[in-house]
Every structure is written in structure tokens, then in C-alpha cells.
Amino acid sequence: MNHYCLMCGTQLVTKLIEDREREICPRCGWIYYKQYKVSAGVRIEKDGSLLLVQRGIDPWKGRWYMPAGFLEINEDLEQAAAREAFEETGLKVKTLDLAGVYTYDDDPRGNGIVFIYDAEILGGEMQVTAETSQIGFFSPGDLAQMEFTGKSGSHQIGDWLKTKGVQLEVNHA
């Protein structure tokens, strides 16, 4: 795939810069630095069960994960986590403590970093949305039969299981 300079529109070329292959504009010298996509999400527990949503869209359609998504340019991490929870579940939530930070390199949309917050439900009505096909609370025993969204999703759910004292091999795409 060809990329073009954001400053002057010239097609970028690949060169070794700072001991890494990077794309650079041969005309004006602008360098394209690849960066992580930033996401935020929530970890909600109720009666010893974890809230998960099943993706209704690609990538990972049919796989399970904690409600999460990409930050918009004008929001902070906690705002994004609460917004994504509402968009994907219909629930209004309050973020609490940071539960974990996870990187991923297996998302077809690009590599990223996701910040997961513990959260509590304030209101709303749990409902399937355009992005989800199912929503529910699942006990640690339920999770053994489920497939999760990539290594990061599996790691997040594995970390929650550890807080319950459960060691379980989780599945990912």
C-alpha cells in the first residue's frame, strides 16, 4: 500500500532512520512515525460474574470482550471508557480504579494499547447494539467455553480470573 506525505502529498519512501525502517517524504523530509491506537474500556463485575459483550461486527465477529473502544480526539480515557460501555451495552457507568493496561499487536486495524477501568453501573438498560450481538454476565466457569478477541482480550479476562483465584486457559482468535 502506498502512503503519502501529510504535508505536501508526495509519495513516501522507506529509509532506515533511527535504526528503524520508517516512511519519509523525499520532497519535504516529513517522517511518518507509526503509533499505537489508544482504547479504553470497562471491567464490570456483579455477583462474582463479569460483564462481556459479543462482537456483532468484524474484526472478531462472534468473539467476546469487555466493553471497550478507541478514544475520540476530544475525550480522556475515563470518558472514552464510559462512552464505549454505553454504546456497546446501553448501560451508564462510572469508572473507578484503573484495572490494567494492555498492548496488542494482533488487531487487523493496527497495534494498540487499551486502558481497562473497573466500573460500576449507574443506570441505563442492558441491550444489544449495532456493535454487539449478545451481552451478559458470566461466571468464571462459563468463560472456559468462550472465545475472546485476541491476545489482549484474553489477557484482560485472564487477569480478572486471577482476582477470583481461578487459573483457566482462555481462548483467543
Foldseek 3Di string as FASTA:
>chain_A
DWDADPVPGATWDWDQDPNDTWTAHPPPGDTDDDDAFEKEAEWEDDPQWTKWFAFCDDDRHRAIFGQMDTDDPPDDRQVRHQVSCCQAFQFGKGFDAFPDKDWDAPHPVGTHIYIYTYIDTDDTHGDGHPGTDDIDTGHPVRQQPGEHAHPRRQVVVQSVCVVVVDHHRGHYD
